[in-house]
Full PDB file with SEQRES, HELIX, SHEET, SSBOND, CRYST1, ORIGX, SCALE, CONECT and MASTER records, all heavy atoms in Angstrom:
SEQRES   1 A   36  VAL LEU ASP TYR GLY CYS GLY LEU GLY THR TRP ASN ASN          
SEQRES   2 A   36  GLU ILE GLU ASN ASN GLY ILE PHE PHE ASN LYS LEU PHE          
SEQRES   3 A   36  LEU TYR ASP LYS ASN PRO GLU ALA ARG GLU                      
HELIX    1 AA1 ILE A   15  ASN A   17  5                                   3    
HELIX    2 AA2 PRO A   32  ARG A   35  1                                   4    
SHEET    1 AA1 2 LEU A   2  TYR A   4  0                                        
SHEET    2 AA1 2 PHE A  26  TYR A  28  1                                        
CRYST1    1.000    1.000    1.000  90.00  90.00  90.00 P 1           1          
ORIGX1      1.000000  0.000000  0.000000        0.00000                         
ORIGX2      0.000000  1.000000  0.000000        0.00000                         
ORIGX3      0.000000  0.000000  1.000000        0.00000                         
SCALE1      1.000000  0.000000  0.000000        0.00000                         
SCALE2      0.000000  1.000000  0.000000        0.00000                         
SCALE3      0.000000  0.000000  1.000000        0.00000                         
ATOM      1  N   VAL A   1       0.827  -1.210   0.000  1.00  0.00           N  
ATOM      2  CA  VAL A   1       0.000   0.000   0.000  1.00  0.00           C  
ATOM      3  C   VAL A   1       0.857   1.254   0.000  1.00  0.00           C  
ATOM      4  O   VAL A   1       1.817   1.368   0.760  1.00  0.00           O  
ATOM      5  CB  VAL A   1      -0.929   0.008   1.237  1.00  0.00           C  
ATOM      6  CG1 VAL A   1      -1.731   1.300   1.309  1.00  0.00           C  
ATOM      7  CG2 VAL A   1      -1.865  -1.205   1.217  1.00  0.00           C  
ATOM      8  N   LEU A   2       0.473   2.197  -0.861  1.00  0.00           N  
ATOM      9  CA  LEU A   2       1.044   3.540  -0.824  1.00  0.00           C  
ATOM     10  C   LEU A   2       0.040   4.467  -0.150  1.00  0.00           C  
ATOM     11  O   LEU A   2      -1.091   4.607  -0.605  1.00  0.00           O  
ATOM     12  CB  LEU A   2       1.333   4.050  -2.240  1.00  0.00           C  
ATOM     13  CG  LEU A   2       1.648   5.559  -2.352  1.00  0.00           C  
ATOM     14  CD1 LEU A   2       2.940   5.901  -1.611  1.00  0.00           C  
ATOM     15  CD2 LEU A   2       1.731   5.983  -3.816  1.00  0.00           C  
ATOM     16  N   ASP A   3       0.442   5.092   0.958  1.00  0.00           N  
ATOM     17  CA  ASP A   3      -0.370   6.113   1.612  1.00  0.00           C  
ATOM     18  C   ASP A   3       0.094   7.461   1.064  1.00  0.00           C  
ATOM     19  O   ASP A   3       1.152   7.970   1.438  1.00  0.00           O  
ATOM     20  CB  ASP A   3      -0.205   6.039   3.125  1.00  0.00           C  
ATOM     21  CG  ASP A   3      -1.116   7.021   3.868  1.00  0.00           C  
ATOM     22  OD1 ASP A   3      -1.692   7.911   3.210  1.00  0.00           O  
ATOM     23  OD2 ASP A   3      -1.237   6.899   5.097  1.00  0.00           O  
ATOM     24  N   TYR A   4      -0.705   8.012   0.151  1.00  0.00           N  
ATOM     25  CA  TYR A   4      -0.327   9.265  -0.520  1.00  0.00           C  
ATOM     26  C   TYR A   4      -0.904  10.445   0.257  1.00  0.00           C  
ATOM     27  O   TYR A   4      -2.099  10.543   0.470  1.00  0.00           O  
ATOM     28  CB  TYR A   4      -0.873   9.276  -1.951  1.00  0.00           C  
ATOM     29  CG  TYR A   4      -0.465  10.515  -2.716  1.00  0.00           C  
ATOM     30  CD1 TYR A   4       0.722  10.543  -3.447  1.00  0.00           C  
ATOM     31  CD2 TYR A   4      -1.248  11.663  -2.678  1.00  0.00           C  
ATOM     32  CE1 TYR A   4       1.111  11.682  -4.122  1.00  0.00           C  
ATOM     33  CE2 TYR A   4      -0.862  12.807  -3.359  1.00  0.00           C  
ATOM     34  CZ  TYR A   4       0.317  12.810  -4.080  1.00  0.00           C  
ATOM     35  OH  TYR A   4       0.702  13.954  -4.745  1.00  0.00           O  
ATOM     36  N   GLY A   5      -0.011  11.375   0.674  1.00  0.00           N  
ATOM     37  CA  GLY A   5      -0.437  12.480   1.534  1.00  0.00           C  
ATOM     38  C   GLY A   5      -0.635  11.995   2.946  1.00  0.00           C  
ATOM     39  O   GLY A   5      -1.643  12.273   3.591  1.00  0.00           O  
ATOM     40  N   CYS A   6       0.357  11.276   3.461  1.00  0.00           N  
ATOM     41  CA  CYS A   6       0.214  10.546   4.733  1.00  0.00           C  
ATOM     42  C   CYS A   6       0.149  11.442   5.952  1.00  0.00           C  
ATOM     43  O   CYS A   6      -0.303  11.012   7.015  1.00  0.00           O  
ATOM     44  CB  CYS A   6       1.361   9.553   4.887  1.00  0.00           C  
ATOM     45  SG  CYS A   6       3.006  10.326   4.912  1.00  0.00           S  
ATOM     46  N   GLY A   7       0.602  12.706   5.830  1.00  0.00           N  
ATOM     47  CA  GLY A   7       0.603  13.589   6.988  1.00  0.00           C  
ATOM     48  C   GLY A   7       1.420  13.007   8.124  1.00  0.00           C  
ATOM     49  O   GLY A   7       2.525  12.505   7.922  1.00  0.00           O  
ATOM     50  N   LEU A   8       0.873  13.022   9.327  1.00  0.00           N  
ATOM     51  CA  LEU A   8       1.567  12.508  10.507  1.00  0.00           C  
ATOM     52  C   LEU A   8       1.364  11.016  10.708  1.00  0.00           C  
ATOM     53  O   LEU A   8       1.866  10.455  11.661  1.00  0.00           O  
ATOM     54  CB  LEU A   8       1.110  13.257  11.758  1.00  0.00           C  
ATOM     55  CG  LEU A   8       1.396  14.761  11.769  1.00  0.00           C  
ATOM     56  CD1 LEU A   8       0.824  15.403  13.025  1.00  0.00           C  
ATOM     57  CD2 LEU A   8       2.880  15.032  11.661  1.00  0.00           C  
ATOM     58  N   GLY A   9       0.630  10.388   9.797  1.00  0.00           N  
ATOM     59  CA  GLY A   9       0.441   8.945   9.884  1.00  0.00           C  
ATOM     60  C   GLY A   9      -0.888   8.567  10.493  1.00  0.00           C  
ATOM     61  O   GLY A   9      -1.200   8.940  11.621  1.00  0.00           O  
ATOM     62  N   THR A  10      -1.678   7.815   9.747  1.00  0.00           N  
ATOM     63  CA  THR A  10      -3.005   7.386  10.179  1.00  0.00           C  
ATOM     64  C   THR A  10      -2.974   6.038  10.877  1.00  0.00           C  
ATOM     65  O   THR A  10      -3.794   5.756  11.735  1.00  0.00           O  
ATOM     66  CB  THR A  10      -3.939   7.288   8.947  1.00  0.00           C  
ATOM     67  OG1 THR A  10      -4.075   8.594   8.381  1.00  0.00           O  
ATOM     68  CG2 THR A  10      -5.310   6.749   9.314  1.00  0.00           C  
ATOM     69  N   TRP A  11      -2.000   5.227  10.526  1.00  0.00           N  
ATOM     70  CA  TRP A  11      -2.013   3.817  10.907  1.00  0.00           C  
ATOM     71  C   TRP A  11      -1.431   3.584  12.292  1.00  0.00           C  
ATOM     72  O   TRP A  11      -0.466   4.221  12.697  1.00  0.00           O  
ATOM     73  CB  TRP A  11      -1.216   3.000   9.885  1.00  0.00           C  
ATOM     74  CG  TRP A  11      -1.542   3.398   8.490  1.00  0.00           C  
ATOM     75  CD1 TRP A  11      -0.855   4.306   7.709  1.00  0.00           C  
ATOM     76  CD2 TRP A  11      -2.649   2.959   7.715  1.00  0.00           C  
ATOM     77  NE1 TRP A  11      -1.476   4.443   6.499  1.00  0.00           N  
ATOM     78  CE2 TRP A  11      -2.574   3.627   6.470  1.00  0.00           C  
ATOM     79  CE3 TRP A  11      -3.684   2.060   7.952  1.00  0.00           C  
ATOM     80  CZ2 TRP A  11      -3.504   3.426   5.467  1.00  0.00           C  
ATOM     81  CZ3 TRP A  11      -4.613   1.850   6.951  1.00  0.00           C  
ATOM     82  CH2 TRP A  11      -4.519   2.529   5.726  1.00  0.00           C  
ATOM     83  N   ASN A  12      -2.020   2.599  12.977  1.00  0.00           N  
ATOM     84  CA  ASN A  12      -1.497   2.142  14.254  1.00  0.00           C  
ATOM     85  C   ASN A  12      -0.545   0.986  13.967  1.00  0.00           C  
ATOM     86  O   ASN A  12      -0.874   0.083  13.204  1.00  0.00           O  
ATOM     87  CB  ASN A  12      -2.649   1.671  15.155  1.00  0.00           C  
ATOM     88  CG  ASN A  12      -2.222   1.413  16.577  1.00  0.00           C  
ATOM     89  OD1 ASN A  12      -1.128   0.908  16.820  1.00  0.00           O  
ATOM     90  ND2 ASN A  12      -3.071   1.757  17.519  1.00  0.00           N  
ATOM     91  N   ASN A  13       0.619   1.006  14.561  1.00  0.00           N  
ATOM     92  CA  ASN A  13       1.602  -0.051  14.311  1.00  0.00           C  
ATOM     93  C   ASN A  13       1.156  -1.414  14.839  1.00  0.00           C  
ATOM     94  O   ASN A  13       1.678  -2.443  14.427  1.00  0.00           O  
ATOM     95  CB  ASN A  13       2.942   0.310  14.956  1.00  0.00           C  
ATOM     96  CG  ASN A  13       3.818   1.123  14.020  1.00  0.00           C  
ATOM     97  OD1 ASN A  13       3.935   0.813  12.839  1.00  0.00           O  
ATOM     98  ND2 ASN A  13       4.420   2.171  14.551  1.00  0.00           N  
ATOM     99  N   GLU A  14       0.210  -1.419  15.774  1.00  0.00           N  
ATOM    100  CA  GLU A  14      -0.208  -2.670  16.396  1.00  0.00           C  
ATOM    101  C   GLU A  14      -1.367  -3.289  15.612  1.00  0.00           C  
ATOM    102  O   GLU A  14      -2.459  -2.743  15.555  1.00  0.00           O  
ATOM    103  CB  GLU A  14      -0.637  -2.416  17.846  1.00  0.00           C  
ATOM    104  CG  GLU A  14       0.487  -1.837  18.703  1.00  0.00           C  
ATOM    105  CD  GLU A  14       0.009  -1.514  20.101  1.00  0.00           C  
ATOM    106  OE1 GLU A  14      -1.104  -1.922  20.450  1.00  0.00           O  
ATOM    107  OE2 GLU A  14       0.754  -0.846  20.828  1.00  0.00           O  
ATOM    108  N   ILE A  15      -1.117  -4.439  15.008  1.00  0.00           N  
ATOM    109  CA  ILE A  15      -2.123  -5.107  14.189  1.00  0.00           C  
ATOM    110  C   ILE A  15      -3.372  -5.415  15.004  1.00  0.00           C  
ATOM    111  O   ILE A  15      -4.498  -5.296  14.516  1.00  0.00           O  
ATOM    112  CB  ILE A  15      -1.552  -6.400  13.571  1.00  0.00           C  
ATOM    113  CG1 ILE A  15      -0.414  -6.046  12.614  1.00  0.00           C  
ATOM    114  CG2 ILE A  15      -2.629  -7.189  12.840  1.00  0.00           C  
ATOM    115  CD1 ILE A  15       0.301  -7.246  12.044  1.00  0.00           C  
ATOM    116  N   GLU A  16      -3.183  -5.790  16.273  1.00  0.00           N  
ATOM    117  CA  GLU A  16      -4.336  -6.167  17.091  1.00  0.00           C  
ATOM    118  C   GLU A  16      -5.260  -4.971  17.342  1.00  0.00           C  
ATOM    119  O   GLU A  16      -6.405  -5.136  17.733  1.00  0.00           O  
ATOM    120  CB  GLU A  16      -3.891  -6.765  18.425  1.00  0.00           C  
ATOM    121  CG  GLU A  16      -3.032  -5.853  19.286  1.00  0.00           C  
ATOM    122  CD  GLU A  16      -1.543  -6.020  19.012  1.00  0.00           C  
ATOM    123  OE1 GLU A  16      -1.179  -6.401  17.893  1.00  0.00           O  
ATOM    124  OE2 GLU A  16      -0.753  -5.772  19.950  1.00  0.00           O  
ATOM    125  N   ASN A  17      -4.758  -3.771  17.120  1.00  0.00           N  
ATOM    126  CA  ASN A  17      -5.579  -2.572  17.281  1.00  0.00           C  
ATOM    127  C   ASN A  17      -6.076  -2.052  15.935  1.00  0.00           C  
ATOM    128  O   ASN A  17      -6.282  -0.857  15.754  1.00  0.00           O  
ATOM    129  CB  ASN A  17      -4.780  -1.466  17.991  1.00  0.00           C  
ATOM    130  CG  ASN A  17      -4.524  -1.805  19.452  1.00  0.00           C  
ATOM    131  OD1 ASN A  17      -5.285  -2.550  20.049  1.00  0.00           O  
ATOM    132  ND2 ASN A  17      -3.463  -1.262  20.010  1.00  0.00           N  
ATOM    133  N   ASN A  18      -6.248  -2.980  14.973  1.00  0.00           N  
ATOM    134  CA  ASN A  18      -6.734  -2.624  13.643  1.00  0.00           C  
ATOM    135  C   ASN A  18      -5.821  -1.608  12.964  1.00  0.00           C  
ATOM    136  O   ASN A  18      -6.276  -0.676  12.316  1.00  0.00           O  
ATOM    137  CB  ASN A  18      -8.167  -2.066  13.706  1.00  0.00           C  
ATOM    138  CG  ASN A  18      -9.167  -3.111  14.139  1.00  0.00           C  
ATOM    139  OD1 ASN A  18      -9.288  -4.153  13.507  1.00  0.00           O  
ATOM    140  ND2 ASN A  18      -9.850  -2.856  15.230  1.00  0.00           N  
ATOM    141  N   GLY A  19      -4.533  -1.797  13.137  1.00  0.00           N  
ATOM    142  CA  GLY A  19      -3.572  -0.877  12.539  1.00  0.00           C  
ATOM    143  C   GLY A  19      -3.167  -1.306  11.153  1.00  0.00           C  
ATOM    144  O   GLY A  19      -3.961  -1.275  10.219  1.00  0.00           O  
ATOM    145  N   ILE A  20      -1.928  -1.738  10.988  1.00  0.00           N  
ATOM    146  CA  ILE A  20      -1.422  -2.105   9.672  1.00  0.00           C  
ATOM    147  C   ILE A  20      -1.750  -3.569   9.415  1.00  0.00           C  
ATOM    148  O   ILE A  20      -1.193  -4.467  10.027  1.00  0.00           O  
ATOM    149  CB  ILE A  20       0.099  -1.834   9.596  1.00  0.00           C  
ATOM    150  CG1 ILE A  20       0.335  -0.321   9.746  1.00  0.00           C  
ATOM    151  CG2 ILE A  20       0.669  -2.328   8.284  1.00  0.00           C  
ATOM    152  CD1 ILE A  20       1.785   0.053   9.914  1.00  0.00           C  
ATOM    153  N   PHE A  21      -2.669  -3.805   8.491  1.00  0.00           N  
ATOM    154  CA  PHE A  21      -3.191  -5.157   8.257  1.00  0.00           C  
ATOM    155  C   PHE A  21      -2.938  -5.605   6.821  1.00  0.00           C  
ATOM    156  O   PHE A  21      -3.711  -6.338   6.247  1.00  0.00           O  
ATOM    157  CB  PHE A  21      -4.688  -5.214   8.573  1.00  0.00           C  
ATOM    158  CG  PHE A  21      -5.478  -4.070   8.002  1.00  0.00           C  
ATOM    159  CD1 PHE A  21      -6.016  -4.132   6.728  1.00  0.00           C  
ATOM    160  CD2 PHE A  21      -5.673  -2.928   8.754  1.00  0.00           C  
ATOM    161  CE1 PHE A  21      -6.730  -3.069   6.208  1.00  0.00           C  
ATOM    162  CE2 PHE A  21      -6.393  -1.860   8.242  1.00  0.00           C  
ATOM    163  CZ  PHE A  21      -6.933  -1.929   6.965  1.00  0.00           C  
ATOM    164  N   PHE A  22      -1.830  -5.153   6.247  1.00  0.00           N  
ATOM    165  CA  PHE A  22      -1.475  -5.516   4.886  1.00  0.00           C  
ATOM    166  C   PHE A  22       0.007  -5.867   4.848  1.00  0.00           C  
ATOM    167  O   PHE A  22       0.681  -5.871   5.881  1.00  0.00           O  
ATOM    168  CB  PHE A  22      -1.817  -4.393   3.908  1.00  0.00           C  
ATOM    169  CG  PHE A  22      -1.662  -3.015   4.502  1.00  0.00           C  
ATOM    170  CD1 PHE A  22      -0.419  -2.414   4.586  1.00  0.00           C  
ATOM    171  CD2 PHE A  22      -2.761  -2.342   4.998  1.00  0.00           C  
ATOM    172  CE1 PHE A  22      -0.271  -1.160   5.140  1.00  0.00           C  
ATOM    173  CE2 PHE A  22      -2.626  -1.079   5.548  1.00  0.00           C  
ATOM    174  CZ  PHE A  22      -1.380  -0.486   5.621  1.00  0.00           C  
ATOM    175  N   ASN A  23       0.536  -6.144   3.687  1.00  0.00           N  
ATOM    176  CA  ASN A  23       1.893  -6.672   3.577  1.00  0.00           C  
ATOM    177  C   ASN A  23       2.975  -5.617   3.794  1.00  0.00           C  
ATOM    178  O   ASN A  23       3.860  -5.776   4.622  1.00  0.00           O  
ATOM    179  CB  ASN A  23       2.081  -7.329   2.210  1.00  0.00           C  
ATOM    180  CG  ASN A  23       3.463  -7.927   2.032  1.00  0.00           C  
ATOM    181  OD1 ASN A  23       3.938  -8.649   2.897  1.00  0.00           O  
ATOM    182  ND2 ASN A  23       4.104  -7.610   0.926  1.00  0.00           N  
ATOM    183  N   LYS A  24       2.897  -4.531   3.043  1.00  0.00           N  
ATOM    184  CA  LYS A  24       3.957  -3.528   3.071  1.00  0.00           C  
ATOM    185  C   LYS A  24       3.336  -2.141   2.961  1.00  0.00           C  
ATOM    186  O   LYS A  24       2.345  -1.946   2.261  1.00  0.00           O  
ATOM    187  CB  LYS A  24       4.917  -3.764   1.901  1.00  0.00           C  
ATOM    188  CG  LYS A  24       6.198  -2.940   1.944  1.00  0.00           C  
ATOM    189  CD  LYS A  24       7.074  -3.217   0.728  1.00  0.00           C  
ATOM    190  CE  LYS A  24       7.607  -4.634   0.722  1.00  0.00           C  
ATOM    191  NZ  LYS A  24       8.557  -4.853  -0.410  1.00  0.00           N  
ATOM    192  N   LEU A  25       3.930  -1.174   3.654  1.00  0.00           N  
ATOM    193  CA  LEU A  25       3.413   0.187   3.660  1.00  0.00           C  
ATOM    194  C   LEU A  25       4.480   1.166   3.182  1.00  0.00           C  
ATOM    195  O   LEU A  25       5.573   1.226   3.730  1.00  0.00           O  
ATOM    196  CB  LEU A  25       2.951   0.580   5.069  1.00  0.00           C  
ATOM    197  CG  LEU A  25       2.449   2.020   5.252  1.00  0.00           C  
ATOM    198  CD1 LEU A  25       1.198   2.266   4.412  1.00  0.00           C  
ATOM    199  CD2 LEU A  25       2.162   2.308   6.726  1.00  0.00           C  
ATOM    200  N   PHE A  26       4.127   1.927   2.135  1.00  0.00           N  
ATOM    201  CA  PHE A  26       4.934   3.052   1.679  1.00  0.00           C  
ATOM    202  C   PHE A  26       4.196   4.327   2.067  1.00  0.00           C  
ATOM    203  O   PHE A  26       2.981   4.427   1.875  1.00  0.00           O  
ATOM    204  CB  PHE A  26       5.117   3.033   0.160  1.00  0.00           C  
ATOM    205  CG  PHE A  26       5.887   1.864  -0.363  1.00  0.00           C  
ATOM    206  CD1 PHE A  26       5.251   0.649  -0.603  1.00  0.00           C  
ATOM    207  CD2 PHE A  26       7.247   1.967  -0.617  1.00  0.00           C  
ATOM    208  CE1 PHE A  26       5.955  -0.443  -1.092  1.00  0.00           C  
ATOM    209  CE2 PHE A  26       7.961   0.881  -1.103  1.00  0.00           C  
ATOM    210  CZ  PHE A  26       7.314  -0.318  -1.337  1.00  0.00           C  
ATOM    211  N   LEU A  27       4.916   5.308   2.599  1.00  0.00           N  
ATOM    212  CA  LEU A  27       4.292   6.563   3.002  1.00  0.00           C  
ATOM    213  C   LEU A  27       4.924   7.725   2.257  1.00  0.00           C  
ATOM    214  O   LEU A  27       6.155   7.822   2.151  1.00  0.00           O  
ATOM    215  CB  LEU A  27       4.437   6.783   4.508  1.00  0.00           C  
ATOM    216  CG  LEU A  27       3.834   5.698   5.390  1.00  0.00           C  
ATOM    217  CD1 LEU A  27       4.925   4.965   6.149  1.00  0.00           C  
ATOM    218  CD2 LEU A  27       2.804   6.269   6.356  1.00  0.00           C  
ATOM    219  N   TYR A  28       4.059   8.599   1.742  1.00  0.00           N  
ATOM    220  CA  TYR A  28       4.567   9.777   1.030  1.00  0.00           C  
ATOM    221  C   TYR A  28       3.765  11.009   1.399  1.00  0.00           C  
ATOM    222  O   TYR A  28       2.540  10.979   1.470  1.00  0.00           O  
ATOM    223  CB  TYR A  28       4.476   9.588  -0.486  1.00  0.00           C  
ATOM    224  CG  TYR A  28       4.795  10.867  -1.236  1.00  0.00           C  
ATOM    225  CD1 TYR A  28       6.110  11.301  -1.368  1.00  0.00           C  
ATOM    226  CD2 TYR A  28       3.770  11.667  -1.745  1.00  0.00           C  
ATOM    227  CE1 TYR A  28       6.401  12.495  -2.006  1.00  0.00           C  
ATOM    228  CE2 TYR A  28       4.066  12.863  -2.390  1.00  0.00           C  
ATOM    229  CZ  TYR A  28       5.374  13.269  -2.525  1.00  0.00           C  
ATOM    230  OH  TYR A  28       5.669  14.457  -3.146  1.00  0.00           O  
ATOM    231  N   ASP A  29       4.480  12.113   1.639  1.00  0.00           N  
ATOM    232  CA  ASP A  29       3.858  13.417   1.811  1.00  0.00           C  
ATOM    233  C   ASP A  29       4.811  14.465   1.244  1.00  0.00           C  
ATOM    234  O   ASP A  29       6.040  14.306   1.336  1.00  0.00           O  
ATOM    235  CB  ASP A  29       3.589  13.694   3.298  1.00  0.00           C  
ATOM    236  CG  ASP A  29       2.564  14.801   3.494  1.00  0.00           C  
ATOM    237  OD1 ASP A  29       2.901  15.988   3.280  1.00  0.00           O  
ATOM    238  OD2 ASP A  29       1.413  14.476   3.835  1.00  0.00           O  
ATOM    239  N   LYS A  30       4.255  15.511   0.660  1.00  0.00           N  
ATOM    240  CA  LYS A  30       5.101  16.576   0.111  1.00  0.00           C  
ATOM    241  C   LYS A  30       5.854  17.311   1.205  1.00  0.00           C  
ATOM    242  O   LYS A  30       6.906  17.893   0.959  1.00  0.00           O  
ATOM    243  CB  LYS A  30       4.244  17.566  -0.685  1.00  0.00           C  
ATOM    244  CG  LYS A  30       3.834  17.061  -2.050  1.00  0.00           C  
ATOM    245  CD  LYS A  30       3.157  18.163  -2.855  1.00  0.00           C  
ATOM    246  CE  LYS A  30       2.863  17.687  -4.267  1.00  0.00           C  
ATOM    247  NZ  LYS A  30       2.230  18.750  -5.088  1.00  0.00           N  
ATOM    248  N   ASN A  31       5.323  17.303   2.388  1.00  0.00           N  
ATOM    249  CA  ASN A  31       5.940  18.015   3.500  1.00  0.00           C  
ATOM    250  C   ASN A  31       7.084  17.195   4.087  1.00  0.00           C  
ATOM    251  O   ASN A  31       6.861  16.110   4.623  1.00  0.00           O  
ATOM    252  CB  ASN A  31       4.878  18.274   4.573  1.00  0.00           C  
ATOM    253  CG  ASN A  31       5.396  19.152   5.703  1.00  0.00           C  
ATOM    254  OD1 ASN A  31       6.591  19.269   5.913  1.00  0.00           O  
ATOM    255  ND2 ASN A  31       4.483  19.754   6.429  1.00  0.00           N  
ATOM    256  N   PRO A  32       8.319  17.692   4.036  1.00  0.00           N  
ATOM    257  CA  PRO A  32       9.450  16.939   4.590  1.00  0.00           C  
ATOM    258  C   PRO A  32       9.334  16.700   6.093  1.00  0.00           C  
ATOM    259  O   PRO A  32       9.818  15.693   6.598  1.00  0.00           O  
ATOM    260  CB  PRO A  32      10.672  17.806   4.245  1.00  0.00           C  
ATOM    261  CG  PRO A  32      10.124  19.164   3.946  1.00  0.00           C  
ATOM    262  CD  PRO A  32       8.751  18.951   3.394  1.00  0.00           C  
ATOM    263  N   GLU A  33       8.686  17.639   6.810  1.00  0.00           N  
ATOM    264  CA  GLU A  33       8.499  17.439   8.252  1.00  0.00           C  
ATOM    265  C   GLU A  33       7.604  16.232   8.514  1.00  0.00           C  
ATOM    266  O   GLU A  33       7.843  15.454   9.447  1.00  0.00           O  
ATOM    267  CB  GLU A  33       7.887  18.685   8.889  1.00  0.00           C  
ATOM    268  CG  GLU A  33       8.786  19.895   8.901  1.00  0.00           C  
ATOM    269  CD  GLU A  33       8.091  21.085   9.528  1.00  0.00           C  
ATOM    270  OE1 GLU A  33       7.745  21.013  10.726  1.00  0.00           O  
ATOM    271  OE2 GLU A  33       7.887  22.093   8.828  1.00  0.00           O  
ATOM    272  N   ALA A  34       6.568  16.086   7.694  1.00  0.00           N  
ATOM    273  CA  ALA A  34       5.675  14.933   7.839  1.00  0.00           C  
ATOM    274  C   ALA A  34       6.435  13.639   7.558  1.00  0.00           C  
ATOM    275  O   ALA A  34       6.256  12.635   8.257  1.00  0.00           O  
ATOM    276  CB  ALA A  34       4.485  15.065   6.897  1.00  0.00           C  
ATOM    277  N   ARG A  35       7.275  13.655   6.542  1.00  0.00           N  
ATOM    278  CA  ARG A  35       8.053  12.450   6.212  1.00  0.00           C  
ATOM    279  C   ARG A  35       9.001  12.086   7.345  1.00  0.00           C  
ATOM    280  O   ARG A  35       9.130  10.898   7.699  1.00  0.00           O  
ATOM    281  CB  ARG A  35       8.821  12.652   4.907  1.00  0.00           C  
ATOM    282  CG  ARG A  35       7.929  12.853   3.684  1.00  0.00           C  
ATOM    283  CD  ARG A  35       8.684  12.604   2.395  1.00  0.00           C  
ATOM    284  NE  ARG A  35       9.821  13.492   2.207  1.00  0.00           N  
ATOM    285  CZ  ARG A  35       9.772  14.659   1.574  1.00  0.00           C  
ATOM    286  NH1 ARG A  35       8.617  15.100   1.074  1.00  0.00           N  
ATOM    287  NH2 ARG A  35      10.855  15.403   1.443  1.00  0.00           N  
ATOM    288  N   GLU A  36       9.651  13.071   7.927  1.00  0.00           N  
ATOM    289  CA  GLU A  36      10.571  12.799   9.028  1.00  0.00           C  
ATOM    290  C   GLU A  36       9.821  12.241  10.234  1.00  0.00           C  
ATOM    291  O   GLU A  36      10.304  11.331  10.912  1.00  0.00           O  
ATOM    292  CB  GLU A  36      11.327  14.075   9.417  1.00  0.00           C  
ATOM    293  CG  GLU A  36      12.390  14.492   8.422  1.00  0.00           C  
ATOM    294  CD  GLU A  36      13.416  13.398   8.161  1.00  0.00           C  
ATOM    295  OE1 GLU A  36      13.924  12.817   9.153  1.00  0.00           O  
ATOM    296  OE2 GLU A  36      13.697  13.105   6.986  1.00  0.00           O  
TER     297      GLU A  36                                                      
MASTER        0    0    0    2    2    0    0    6  296    1    0    3          
END                                                                             
């Protein structure tokens, strides 16, 4: 999955909390602060 315009991040790292439930996550935002 590509999260386009990810901002500060929507996903929870913990799968049991309905967070990241797919194979691989790519995150992109135009804002370098958001990426960092």
